[in-house]
């Protein structure tokens, strides 16, 4: 079995995936809030 050295794993791909996920989550959240505000202004 290979020896594992703590902290030696390359996590660049996982970090890019996580950053992409967070970016899309923020964009979708802001879009949803914008749509809700627009709907509230139009229906009042």
C-alpha atoms as a PDB file:
ATOM      1  CA  UNK A   1       0.000   0.000   0.000  1.00  0.00           C
ATOM      2  CA  UNK A   2       1.317   3.457  -0.869  1.00  0.00           C
ATOM      3  CA  UNK A   3       2.316   5.850   1.858  1.00  0.00           C
ATOM      4  CA  UNK A   4       0.135   8.931   2.179  1.00  0.00           C
ATOM      5  CA  UNK A   5       1.760  12.240   3.035  1.00  0.00           C
ATOM      6  CA  UNK A   6      -0.708  14.611   4.680  1.00  0.00           C
ATOM      7  CA  UNK A   7      -1.241  17.776   2.624  1.00  0.00           C
ATOM      8  CA  UNK A   8       0.354  16.447  -0.569  1.00  0.00           C
ATOM      9  CA  UNK A   9      -2.825  15.949  -2.626  1.00  0.00           C
ATOM     10  CA  UNK A  10      -3.417  18.340  -5.519  1.00  0.00           C
ATOM     11  CA  UNK A  11      -6.842  19.890  -4.892  1.00  0.00           C
ATOM     12  CA  UNK A  12      -6.844  22.428  -7.744  1.00  0.00           C
ATOM     13  CA  UNK A  13      -9.652  20.680  -9.661  1.00  0.00           C
ATOM     14  CA  UNK A  14     -11.838  20.367  -6.564  1.00  0.00           C
ATOM     15  CA  UNK A  15     -11.263  24.027  -5.661  1.00  0.00           C
ATOM     16  CA  UNK A  16     -12.184  25.164  -9.192  1.00  0.00           C
ATOM     17  CA  UNK A  17     -15.334  23.033  -9.107  1.00  0.00           C
ATOM     18  CA  UNK A  18     -16.324  24.447  -5.704  1.00  0.00           C
ATOM     19  CA  UNK A  19     -15.659  28.031  -6.841  1.00  0.00           C
ATOM     20  CA  UNK A  20     -17.773  27.435  -9.949  1.00  0.00           C
ATOM     21  CA  UNK A  21     -20.586  26.009  -7.831  1.00  0.00           C
ATOM     22  CA  UNK A  22     -20.510  28.995  -5.469  1.00  0.00           C
ATOM     23  CA  UNK A  23     -20.408  31.413  -8.405  1.00  0.00           C
ATOM     24  CA  UNK A  24     -23.475  29.858 -10.066  1.00  0.00           C
ATOM     25  CA  UNK A  25     -25.314  29.682  -6.738  1.00  0.00           C
ATOM     26  CA  UNK A  26     -24.759  33.403  -6.114  1.00  0.00           C
ATOM     27  CA  UNK A  27     -25.821  34.314  -9.679  1.00  0.00           C
ATOM     28  CA  UNK A  28     -29.006  32.233  -9.504  1.00  0.00           C
ATOM     29  CA  UNK A  29     -29.848  33.622  -6.047  1.00  0.00           C
ATOM     30  CA  UNK A  30     -29.432  37.214  -7.206  1.00  0.00           C
ATOM     31  CA  UNK A  31     -31.492  36.536 -10.330  1.00  0.00           C
ATOM     32  CA  UNK A  32     -34.264  34.973  -8.232  1.00  0.00           C
ATOM     33  CA  UNK A  33     -34.300  37.916  -5.815  1.00  0.00           C
ATOM     34  CA  UNK A  34     -34.356  40.336  -8.758  1.00  0.00           C
ATOM     35  CA  UNK A  35     -37.307  38.526 -10.312  1.00  0.00           C
ATOM     36  CA  UNK A  36     -39.198  38.553  -7.000  1.00  0.00           C
ATOM     37  CA  UNK A  37     -38.583  42.291  -6.534  1.00  0.00           C
ATOM     38  CA  UNK A  38     -39.713  42.956 -10.111  1.00  0.00           C
ATOM     39  CA  UNK A  39     -42.871  40.904  -9.576  1.00  0.00           C
ATOM     40  CA  UNK A  40     -43.609  42.771  -6.328  1.00  0.00           C
ATOM     41  CA  UNK A  41     -43.217  46.158  -8.022  1.00  0.00           C
ATOM     42  CA  UNK A  42     -45.361  45.232 -11.016  1.00  0.00           C
ATOM     43  CA  UNK A  43     -48.193  43.691  -8.982  1.00  0.00           C
ATOM     44  CA  UNK A  44     -48.544  46.524  -6.465  1.00  0.00           C
END
